[in-house]
Amino acid sequence: MSSGSPLKDILKTSLPAVVDLSSQTIMWTIEAILIGKISAAAFAGVGMAIQIIILFFTVILTFVVGSSVIINRYLGARDYWEANHILGQALMIGIVISFFIGLTWYFGSTEIFKLIRENEPIAKQAGAQYLRIIAVFTPLIITNFIAVGIIRGAGDTKVSMYLNLTINLLNLVLAPILIFGLFGFPRMEVSGAAYAVGIAHSVGFFATLFVLRTRKSRMFLSFRELTTPNYRSFKRLFKTGLPTTVEQLCWAMGQMIITGYAAILGLVFLAAHQVFMRIQAVISMFFMGFSLGTMTLVGQNLGAKEHKRAEQTGRMAGYVVLVFVLIIVALIFLFSEPLIALFTSEKAVIDAGSNILRLFAVIQIPKALNAVLSGNLRGAGDLNWLMYLAIVSLFISETGLTWIAVFPLNLSLWGIWLVMGLDETVRTFLNYFRFHGGKWKVIDV
């Protein structure tokens, strides 16, 4: 392990992860802004399609997080052969599953979007069209998602940053050209956005393969490990990663349920809610970068039997992210209305969102702290705790309390975000006491 200070280790590991994760979210945000220029209906439909993609990607987190937790223990103990073995096994399973996900998106897209209520099926058609095109590229997109996720989770955050910057810069160039038909290309609108994503991520797949085969990363992909099933390793990956998949599925399902409530309120409220989700996605990447950084460092410190340093690292990450989120909250308070206007020019959507944006800003404080605390516990392998907490949150907060706040209490979008803030605050306190209780120090992965 590094002999530097915990702060130095956190910044060295986490800041490239912040840039890495932010580049993807910023690209999605730019794409959303471009699609918003087409219509609010197209914006809402594609926004819902992306939430569906995220929902399915949570299944893949079994192999990303499960393998990362195991690999970090091996790297901490300097057992590189076993670390590379786990990489190959995780990718093998992910490749197989990616074909089933692609088929589901391609043939089930029309049924999925029947949830949206509108007089003309513009949002439904836009969402289904986007999802079907992405489905064609799914095997390459998902395989690359797993590989880059493992590289990032193993602490090679600079490598994952360069890979994702390549993908997202290419996407940034292609998206406006294909959406609006620039430089002689046909105007493809929503289809163009989807093709830009597919092409960029396909290029990224081959770049990642090159990195893993030429030892540009700490990890090395052996074709033998990729093509030789080891059922003992499969079982270990599922056992370690499944709680995180259930946790993230609960989160994604909760977001889908909340989006469904917003859709029932009407297209204006759905579009305003999608604006909040896009802004939060960008902000959350900083939190998630530090969450991944502390997950990596806590896991590797535990693998090296340095328990005290693991705890110091977790605490320091919390202090750093608190400073950042307070700056973000201040900026949102100052620039609330222009922030919404970035995504749409429709006055009804701007009016619906402006009233709630300051509440949204305050919610980011417990959300940031909870992200880091969850990363500490995830790196330590305390995954069942996080899973049970997510299940309780799904049924009590996202499903039950949100419905009561939105409909019987008639609080509309205010109800959605008030309950969300309450949920984040409660989970932050519970995770704080769990981490400082210290039981995670003796968990075996």
Protein backbone atom coordinates (compact mmCIF):
# COMPACT_ATOMS: atom_id res chain seq x y z
CA MET A 1 0.00 0.00 0.00
CA SER A 2 0.99 3.66 -0.42
CA SER A 3 3.11 5.22 2.31
CA GLY A 4 1.57 8.66 1.71
CA SER A 5 -1.07 10.34 3.85
CA PRO A 6 -4.70 9.15 3.64
CA LEU A 7 -5.63 12.52 2.09
CA LYS A 8 -2.98 12.13 -0.61
CA ASP A 9 -4.12 8.58 -1.38
CA ILE A 10 -7.77 9.66 -1.57
CA LEU A 11 -7.07 12.55 -3.92
CA LYS A 12 -4.75 10.48 -6.12
CA THR A 13 -7.34 7.71 -6.52
CA SER A 14 -10.58 9.68 -6.39
CA LEU A 15 -9.97 12.77 -8.55
CA PRO A 16 -9.34 10.80 -11.79
CA ALA A 17 -12.46 8.76 -10.93
CA VAL A 18 -14.41 12.03 -10.58
CA VAL A 19 -13.27 13.17 -14.04
CA ASP A 20 -13.94 9.68 -15.44
CA LEU A 21 -17.50 9.40 -14.11
CA SER A 22 -18.29 13.05 -14.74
CA SER A 23 -17.35 12.79 -18.41
CA GLN A 24 -20.07 10.20 -19.00
CA THR A 25 -22.68 12.14 -17.07
CA ILE A 26 -21.75 15.43 -18.72
CA MET A 27 -22.09 13.74 -22.09
CA TRP A 28 -25.55 12.47 -21.14
CA THR A 29 -26.39 15.99 -19.97
CA ILE A 30 -25.22 17.57 -23.24
CA GLU A 31 -27.17 14.94 -25.14
CA ALA A 32 -30.23 15.82 -23.04
CA ILE A 33 -29.79 19.51 -23.83
CA LEU A 34 -29.52 18.72 -27.56
CA ILE A 35 -32.60 16.51 -27.48
CA GLY A 36 -34.44 19.14 -25.46
CA LYS A 37 -34.04 21.44 -28.46
CA ILE A 38 -36.18 18.98 -30.45
CA SER A 39 -39.12 18.93 -28.00
CA ALA A 40 -39.99 18.44 -24.33
CA ALA A 41 -41.66 15.15 -25.28
CA ALA A 42 -38.47 13.80 -26.89
CA PHE A 43 -36.50 14.98 -23.85
CA ALA A 44 -38.85 13.14 -21.47
CA GLY A 45 -38.92 9.94 -23.56
CA VAL A 46 -35.13 9.67 -23.96
CA GLY A 47 -34.66 10.55 -20.27
CA MET A 48 -36.87 7.63 -19.34
CA ALA A 49 -34.97 5.37 -21.77
CA ILE A 50 -31.71 6.23 -20.00
CA GLN A 51 -33.27 5.38 -16.64
CA ILE A 52 -34.26 1.99 -18.07
CA ILE A 53 -30.69 1.47 -19.30
CA ILE A 54 -29.39 2.32 -15.82
CA LEU A 55 -31.89 -0.12 -14.28
CA PHE A 56 -30.54 -2.98 -16.41
CA PHE A 57 -26.96 -1.95 -15.82
CA THR A 58 -27.47 -2.50 -12.12
CA VAL A 59 -27.66 -6.23 -12.84
CA ILE A 60 -24.17 -6.01 -14.28
CA LEU A 61 -22.93 -4.40 -11.06
CA THR A 62 -22.88 -7.92 -9.59
CA PHE A 63 -19.72 -8.53 -11.57
CA VAL A 64 -18.26 -5.02 -11.42
CA VAL A 65 -18.55 -4.52 -7.66
CA GLY A 66 -18.23 -8.19 -6.74
CA SER A 67 -15.01 -8.57 -8.71
CA SER A 68 -13.67 -5.18 -7.53
CA VAL A 69 -14.12 -6.07 -3.85
CA ILE A 70 -12.36 -9.43 -4.34
CA ILE A 71 -9.64 -8.02 -6.63
CA ASN A 72 -8.79 -5.23 -4.18
CA ARG A 73 -8.17 -7.77 -1.43
CA TYR A 74 -5.84 -9.70 -3.78
CA LEU A 75 -4.04 -6.54 -4.90
CA GLY A 76 -3.57 -5.49 -1.28
CA ALA A 77 -2.03 -8.91 -0.62
CA ARG A 78 -0.01 -8.64 -3.91
CA ASP A 79 -1.62 -11.77 -5.38
CA TYR A 80 -1.85 -10.54 -9.00
CA TRP A 81 -2.57 -13.92 -10.60
CA GLU A 82 -5.80 -14.37 -8.67
CA ALA A 83 -6.79 -10.76 -9.38
CA ASN A 84 -6.48 -11.30 -13.16
CA HIS A 85 -8.35 -14.60 -12.89
CA ILE A 86 -11.35 -12.82 -11.35
CA LEU A 87 -11.24 -10.19 -14.13
CA GLY A 88 -11.52 -12.88 -16.85
CA GLN A 89 -14.34 -14.72 -15.11
CA ALA A 90 -16.36 -11.53 -14.57
CA LEU A 91 -16.06 -10.53 -18.22
CA MET A 92 -17.06 -14.00 -19.39
CA ILE A 93 -20.35 -13.87 -17.46
CA GLY A 94 -21.01 -10.29 -18.51
CA ILE A 95 -20.64 -11.06 -22.21
CA VAL A 96 -23.25 -13.81 -22.02
CA ILE A 97 -25.74 -11.67 -20.08
CA SER A 98 -25.28 -8.70 -22.43
CA PHE A 99 -26.91 -10.60 -25.31
CA PHE A 100 -30.03 -11.30 -23.25
CA ILE A 101 -30.26 -7.65 -22.18
CA GLY A 102 -29.91 -6.48 -25.78
CA LEU A 103 -32.74 -8.76 -26.92
CA THR A 104 -34.96 -7.51 -24.08
CA TRP A 105 -34.39 -3.87 -25.03
CA TYR A 106 -34.90 -4.45 -28.72
CA PHE A 107 -38.12 -6.46 -28.57
CA GLY A 108 -39.61 -5.06 -25.34
CA SER A 109 -39.09 -1.32 -25.84
CA THR A 110 -42.60 -0.57 -27.09
CA GLU A 111 -44.27 -2.20 -24.07
CA ILE A 112 -41.93 -0.51 -21.58
CA PHE A 113 -42.92 3.01 -22.67
CA LYS A 114 -46.68 2.56 -22.36
CA LEU A 115 -46.31 4.04 -18.85
CA ILE A 116 -46.06 7.58 -20.23
CA ARG A 117 -49.43 9.35 -20.47
CA GLU A 118 -49.74 11.83 -23.35
CA ASN A 119 -52.24 12.79 -26.02
CA GLU A 120 -49.78 12.14 -28.85
CA PRO A 121 -47.30 9.24 -28.49
CA ILE A 122 -44.24 11.41 -29.17
CA ALA A 123 -42.39 10.66 -25.92
CA LYS A 124 -43.20 6.95 -26.17
CA GLN A 125 -41.89 6.74 -29.72
CA ALA A 126 -38.74 8.70 -28.91
CA GLY A 127 -37.90 6.52 -25.90
CA ALA A 128 -38.56 3.24 -27.72
CA GLN A 129 -36.59 4.35 -30.78
CA TYR A 130 -33.58 5.34 -28.66
CA LEU A 131 -33.62 2.09 -26.67
CA ARG A 132 -33.91 -0.19 -29.73
CA ILE A 133 -30.87 1.36 -31.42
CA ILE A 134 -28.79 1.14 -28.23
CA ALA A 135 -29.80 -2.55 -28.02
CA VAL A 136 -27.90 -3.32 -31.23
CA PHE A 137 -24.63 -2.16 -29.61
CA THR A 138 -25.36 -3.71 -26.20
CA PRO A 139 -22.76 -6.56 -26.18
CA LEU A 140 -19.90 -4.12 -26.78
CA ILE A 141 -21.32 -1.43 -24.48
CA ILE A 142 -21.90 -3.77 -21.53
CA THR A 143 -18.61 -5.66 -21.89
CA ASN A 144 -16.75 -2.36 -21.93
CA PHE A 145 -18.78 -1.12 -18.94
CA ILE A 146 -17.67 -4.14 -16.91
CA ALA A 147 -14.02 -3.97 -17.98
CA VAL A 148 -13.64 -0.22 -17.33
CA GLY A 149 -15.54 -0.58 -14.05
CA ILE A 150 -13.10 -3.24 -12.84
CA ILE A 151 -10.09 -1.19 -13.95
CA ARG A 152 -11.51 1.79 -12.04
CA GLY A 153 -12.43 -0.29 -9.00
CA ALA A 154 -8.90 -1.73 -8.83
CA GLY A 155 -7.51 1.78 -8.37
CA ASP A 156 -6.33 2.38 -11.95
CA THR A 157 -8.51 5.48 -12.11
CA LYS A 158 -6.22 7.37 -14.49
CA VAL A 159 -6.51 4.57 -17.06
CA SER A 160 -10.29 4.41 -16.75
CA MET A 161 -10.40 8.21 -16.98
CA TYR A 162 -8.52 8.25 -20.29
CA LEU A 163 -10.73 5.49 -21.70
CA ASN A 164 -13.97 7.22 -20.78
CA LEU A 165 -12.72 10.62 -21.94
CA THR A 166 -11.99 9.05 -25.33
CA ILE A 167 -15.49 7.55 -25.52
CA ASN A 168 -17.28 10.69 -24.41
CA LEU A 169 -15.30 13.12 -26.55
CA LEU A 170 -16.13 10.99 -29.59
CA ASN A 171 -19.78 10.92 -28.50
CA LEU A 172 -19.69 14.70 -28.04
CA VAL A 173 -18.49 15.17 -31.61
CA LEU A 174 -20.94 12.69 -33.16
CA ALA A 175 -24.10 13.65 -31.23
CA PRO A 176 -24.82 17.13 -32.70
CA ILE A 177 -23.74 16.00 -36.17
CA LEU A 178 -26.17 13.06 -36.23
CA ILE A 179 -29.00 14.69 -34.23
CA PHE A 180 -29.20 17.86 -36.34
CA GLY A 181 -27.69 16.63 -39.62
CA LEU A 182 -24.57 18.79 -39.75
CA PHE A 183 -21.86 18.66 -42.44
CA GLY A 184 -24.08 16.92 -44.97
CA PHE A 185 -25.25 14.11 -42.68
CA PRO A 186 -29.02 13.40 -42.54
CA ARG A 187 -30.96 14.91 -39.60
CA MET A 188 -31.68 11.85 -37.41
CA GLU A 189 -32.80 13.52 -34.14
CA VAL A 190 -33.34 10.86 -31.42
CA SER A 191 -31.94 8.08 -33.62
CA GLY A 192 -28.80 10.14 -34.20
CA ALA A 193 -28.24 10.47 -30.45
CA ALA A 194 -28.51 6.71 -30.04
CA TYR A 195 -26.14 5.96 -32.93
CA ALA A 196 -23.59 8.42 -31.50
CA VAL A 197 -23.65 6.54 -28.18
CA GLY A 198 -23.35 3.15 -29.87
CA ILE A 199 -20.45 4.10 -32.14
CA ALA A 200 -18.49 5.86 -29.38
CA HIS A 201 -18.81 2.97 -26.94
CA SER A 202 -17.88 0.43 -29.61
CA VAL A 203 -14.64 2.32 -30.22
CA GLY A 204 -14.16 2.40 -26.45
CA PHE A 205 -14.53 -1.39 -26.26
CA PHE A 206 -11.56 -1.94 -28.58
CA ALA A 207 -9.49 0.69 -26.75
CA THR A 208 -10.15 -1.06 -23.43
CA LEU A 209 -9.26 -4.44 -24.93
CA PHE A 210 -5.95 -2.96 -26.11
CA VAL A 211 -5.20 -1.60 -22.63
CA LEU A 212 -5.95 -4.91 -20.90
CA ARG A 213 -3.91 -6.98 -23.37
CA THR A 214 -0.82 -4.73 -23.46
CA ARG A 215 -0.41 -4.35 -19.68
CA LYS A 216 -1.17 -0.61 -19.71
CA SER A 217 -3.17 -1.26 -16.54
CA ARG A 218 -2.53 -3.12 -13.30
CA MET A 219 -4.98 -5.71 -14.64
CA PHE A 220 -4.24 -8.11 -17.50
CA LEU A 221 -6.92 -9.93 -19.52
CA SER A 222 -5.94 -13.53 -20.20
CA PHE A 223 -7.96 -15.12 -23.01
CA ARG A 224 -7.56 -18.41 -21.18
CA GLU A 225 -9.28 -16.99 -18.08
CA LEU A 226 -11.90 -15.37 -20.31
CA THR A 227 -12.82 -18.65 -22.02
CA THR A 228 -12.32 -21.23 -19.22
CA PRO A 229 -15.27 -21.26 -16.79
CA ASN A 230 -14.45 -21.71 -13.12
CA TYR A 231 -17.68 -22.39 -11.28
CA ARG A 232 -16.10 -21.81 -7.88
CA SER A 233 -15.13 -18.29 -8.98
CA PHE A 234 -18.61 -17.74 -10.48
CA LYS A 235 -20.17 -18.66 -7.15
CA ARG A 236 -17.83 -16.31 -5.30
CA LEU A 237 -18.56 -13.45 -7.69
CA PHE A 238 -22.31 -13.91 -7.31
CA LYS A 239 -22.08 -14.20 -3.52
CA THR A 240 -19.99 -11.05 -3.22
CA GLY A 241 -21.65 -8.97 -5.91
CA LEU A 242 -25.31 -9.98 -5.60
CA PRO A 243 -26.05 -7.80 -2.53
CA THR A 244 -24.79 -4.74 -4.43
CA THR A 245 -26.91 -5.67 -7.44
CA VAL A 246 -29.99 -5.98 -5.24
CA GLU A 247 -29.07 -2.67 -3.57
CA GLN A 248 -28.67 -0.88 -6.90
CA LEU A 249 -31.75 -2.54 -8.39
CA CYS A 250 -33.76 -1.23 -5.45
CA TRP A 251 -32.34 2.24 -6.10
CA ALA A 252 -33.04 2.07 -9.85
CA MET A 253 -36.53 0.62 -9.32
CA GLY A 254 -37.21 3.37 -6.81
CA GLN A 255 -36.17 5.97 -9.38
CA MET A 256 -38.42 4.33 -11.98
CA ILE A 257 -41.36 4.33 -9.57
CA ILE A 258 -40.79 7.99 -8.75
CA THR A 259 -40.50 8.79 -12.47
CA GLY A 260 -43.77 6.96 -12.97
CA TYR A 261 -45.41 9.19 -10.35
CA ALA A 262 -44.01 12.25 -12.16
CA ALA A 263 -45.34 10.88 -15.47
CA ILE A 264 -48.83 10.52 -13.97
CA LEU A 265 -48.67 14.18 -12.90
CA GLY A 266 -48.25 15.12 -16.59
CA LEU A 267 -45.65 15.87 -19.23
CA VAL A 268 -44.58 19.22 -17.71
CA PHE A 269 -43.82 17.67 -14.31
CA LEU A 270 -42.11 14.68 -15.93
CA ALA A 271 -39.85 16.99 -17.94
CA ALA A 272 -39.07 19.10 -14.84
CA HIS A 273 -38.26 15.94 -12.87
CA GLN A 274 -35.94 14.76 -15.66
CA VAL A 275 -34.11 18.09 -15.43
CA PHE A 276 -33.49 17.51 -11.71
CA MET A 277 -32.31 13.98 -12.37
CA ARG A 278 -29.83 15.19 -14.98
CA ILE A 279 -28.45 17.92 -12.70
CA GLN A 280 -28.17 15.46 -9.83
CA ALA A 281 -26.45 12.92 -12.08
CA VAL A 282 -23.70 15.44 -12.86
CA ILE A 283 -23.24 16.48 -9.22
CA SER A 284 -23.33 12.90 -7.97
CA MET A 285 -20.33 11.95 -10.06
CA PHE A 286 -18.08 13.81 -7.67
CA PHE A 287 -19.63 11.95 -4.74
CA MET A 288 -19.35 8.64 -6.60
CA GLY A 289 -15.73 9.33 -7.56
CA PHE A 290 -14.83 9.63 -3.89
CA SER A 291 -17.07 6.68 -3.04
CA LEU A 292 -15.14 4.53 -5.53
CA GLY A 293 -11.82 5.90 -4.33
CA THR A 294 -12.51 5.11 -0.69
CA MET A 295 -13.97 1.70 -1.65
CA THR A 296 -10.71 0.84 -3.43
CA LEU A 297 -8.42 2.12 -0.68
CA VAL A 298 -10.39 0.60 2.20
CA GLY A 299 -10.44 -2.78 0.41
CA GLN A 300 -6.72 -2.74 -0.41
CA ASN A 301 -5.80 -1.61 3.10
CA LEU A 302 -7.82 -4.46 4.56
CA GLY A 303 -6.12 -6.87 2.13
CA ALA A 304 -2.77 -5.60 3.45
CA LYS A 305 -4.05 -5.99 7.07
CA GLU A 306 -3.84 -2.21 7.67
CA HIS A 307 -7.14 -1.74 9.50
CA LYS A 308 -6.33 1.60 11.14
CA ARG A 309 -5.33 3.15 7.81
CA ALA A 310 -8.56 1.86 6.23
CA GLU A 311 -10.59 3.70 8.88
CA GLN A 312 -8.54 6.92 8.51
CA THR A 313 -9.09 6.82 4.75
CA GLY A 314 -12.86 6.50 5.15
CA ARG A 315 -13.03 9.44 7.55
CA MET A 316 -10.87 11.71 5.39
CA ALA A 317 -12.99 11.05 2.28
CA GLY A 318 -16.05 12.26 4.18
CA TYR A 319 -14.39 15.55 5.13
CA VAL A 320 -13.29 16.24 1.56
CA VAL A 321 -16.67 15.55 -0.03
CA LEU A 322 -18.45 17.70 2.59
CA VAL A 323 -16.41 20.75 1.56
CA PHE A 324 -17.26 20.16 -2.10
CA VAL A 325 -20.99 19.67 -1.62
CA LEU A 326 -21.33 22.90 0.39
CA ILE A 327 -19.78 24.79 -2.54
CA ILE A 328 -22.22 23.09 -4.94
CA VAL A 329 -25.22 23.98 -2.77
CA ALA A 330 -24.16 27.64 -2.75
CA LEU A 331 -23.81 27.68 -6.55
CA ILE A 332 -27.26 26.14 -7.08
CA PHE A 333 -28.82 28.75 -4.79
CA LEU A 334 -27.21 31.50 -6.84
CA PHE A 335 -28.02 30.14 -10.32
CA SER A 336 -31.25 28.19 -9.88
CA GLU A 337 -33.41 29.38 -12.80
CA PRO A 338 -30.63 29.60 -15.45
CA LEU A 339 -29.68 26.03 -14.54
CA ILE A 340 -33.10 24.69 -15.56
CA ALA A 341 -33.15 26.88 -18.68
CA LEU A 342 -30.06 25.00 -19.92
CA PHE A 343 -32.25 21.96 -20.56
CA THR A 344 -35.45 23.45 -21.91
CA SER A 345 -36.86 26.75 -23.09
CA GLU A 346 -40.48 25.83 -22.27
CA LYS A 347 -41.70 28.27 -19.61
CA ALA A 348 -44.07 25.79 -17.95
CA VAL A 349 -41.21 23.38 -17.27
CA ILE A 350 -38.93 26.17 -16.00
CA ASP A 351 -41.65 27.46 -13.65
CA ALA A 352 -42.40 23.95 -12.34
CA GLY A 353 -38.73 23.32 -11.57
CA SER A 354 -37.54 26.70 -10.26
CA ASN A 355 -39.70 26.50 -7.14
CA ILE A 356 -38.09 23.23 -6.03
CA LEU A 357 -34.44 23.65 -7.04
CA ARG A 358 -33.30 25.08 -3.68
CA LEU A 359 -34.82 22.11 -1.85
CA PHE A 360 -33.04 19.89 -4.35
CA ALA A 361 -29.75 21.68 -3.51
CA VAL A 362 -30.03 21.05 0.24
CA ILE A 363 -30.72 17.34 -0.36
CA GLN A 364 -27.28 17.01 -1.96
CA ILE A 365 -25.59 17.36 1.46
CA PRO A 366 -26.81 14.06 2.99
CA LYS A 367 -26.59 12.45 -0.46
CA ALA A 368 -22.86 13.27 -0.71
CA LEU A 369 -22.04 12.04 2.79
CA ASN A 370 -24.08 8.86 2.29
CA ALA A 371 -22.22 8.10 -0.96
CA VAL A 372 -18.84 8.15 0.79
CA LEU A 373 -20.06 6.17 3.81
CA SER A 374 -21.51 3.56 1.44
CA GLY A 375 -18.16 3.39 -0.38
CA ASN A 376 -16.37 2.77 2.92
CA LEU A 377 -18.71 -0.10 3.79
CA ARG A 378 -18.63 -1.50 0.24
CA GLY A 379 -14.83 -1.61 0.24
CA ALA A 380 -14.93 -3.47 3.52
CA GLY A 381 -17.36 -6.02 2.10
CA ASP A 382 -20.30 -4.97 4.32
CA LEU A 383 -22.60 -5.44 1.33
CA ASN A 384 -25.54 -7.19 2.99
CA TRP A 385 -26.10 -4.19 5.29
CA LEU A 386 -26.30 -1.83 2.31
CA MET A 387 -28.64 -4.22 0.50
CA TYR A 388 -31.11 -4.48 3.40
CA LEU A 389 -31.07 -0.71 3.82
CA ALA A 390 -31.90 -0.26 0.11
CA ILE A 391 -34.78 -2.75 0.28
CA VAL A 392 -36.33 -0.95 3.23
CA SER A 393 -35.88 2.39 1.46
CA LEU A 394 -37.56 1.11 -1.71
CA PHE A 395 -40.73 -0.06 -0.01
CA ILE A 396 -41.08 2.60 2.69
CA SER A 397 -39.74 5.77 1.06
CA GLU A 398 -39.79 5.52 -2.75
CA THR A 399 -42.98 3.45 -3.04
CA GLY A 400 -45.06 4.30 0.03
CA LEU A 401 -44.19 7.70 1.47
CA THR A 402 -43.62 9.27 -1.96
CA TRP A 403 -47.02 8.13 -3.20
CA ILE A 404 -48.69 9.57 -0.07
CA ALA A 405 -46.85 12.88 -0.43
CA VAL A 406 -47.54 13.25 -4.16
CA PHE A 407 -51.19 12.18 -4.37
CA PRO A 408 -53.16 12.11 -1.07
CA LEU A 409 -51.24 15.13 0.28
CA ASN A 410 -51.21 16.71 -3.22
CA LEU A 411 -47.63 17.99 -2.88
CA SER A 412 -46.74 17.14 -6.49
CA LEU A 413 -42.97 17.39 -7.20
CA TRP A 414 -42.43 18.91 -3.75
CA GLY A 415 -43.59 15.61 -2.27
CA ILE A 416 -41.15 13.60 -4.37
CA TRP A 417 -38.12 15.61 -3.32
CA LEU A 418 -39.13 16.09 0.33
CA VAL A 419 -39.34 12.32 0.79
CA MET A 420 -36.10 11.84 -1.12
CA GLY A 421 -34.32 14.25 1.24
CA LEU A 422 -35.73 12.49 4.30
CA ASP A 423 -34.62 9.11 2.96
CA GLU A 424 -31.05 10.29 2.24
CA THR A 425 -30.75 11.85 5.71
CA VAL A 426 -31.91 8.73 7.56
CA ARG A 427 -29.60 6.44 5.58
CA THR A 428 -26.65 8.78 6.14
CA PHE A 429 -27.04 8.55 9.92
CA LEU A 430 -27.50 4.76 9.83
CA ASN A 431 -24.41 4.25 7.65
CA TYR A 432 -22.39 6.62 9.84
CA PHE A 433 -23.09 4.57 12.97
CA ARG A 434 -22.51 1.32 11.07
CA PHE A 435 -19.07 2.43 9.86
CA HIS A 436 -17.97 3.84 13.20
CA GLY A 437 -19.17 0.65 14.93
CA GLY A 438 -16.25 -1.19 13.30
CA LYS A 439 -17.84 -4.60 12.56
CA TRP A 440 -16.75 -4.26 8.92
CA LYS A 441 -13.11 -4.82 9.93
CA VAL A 442 -13.57 -8.58 10.29
CA ILE A 443 -15.72 -9.32 7.20
CA ASP A 444 -14.24 -12.00 4.91
CA VAL A 445 -14.82 -11.70 1.14
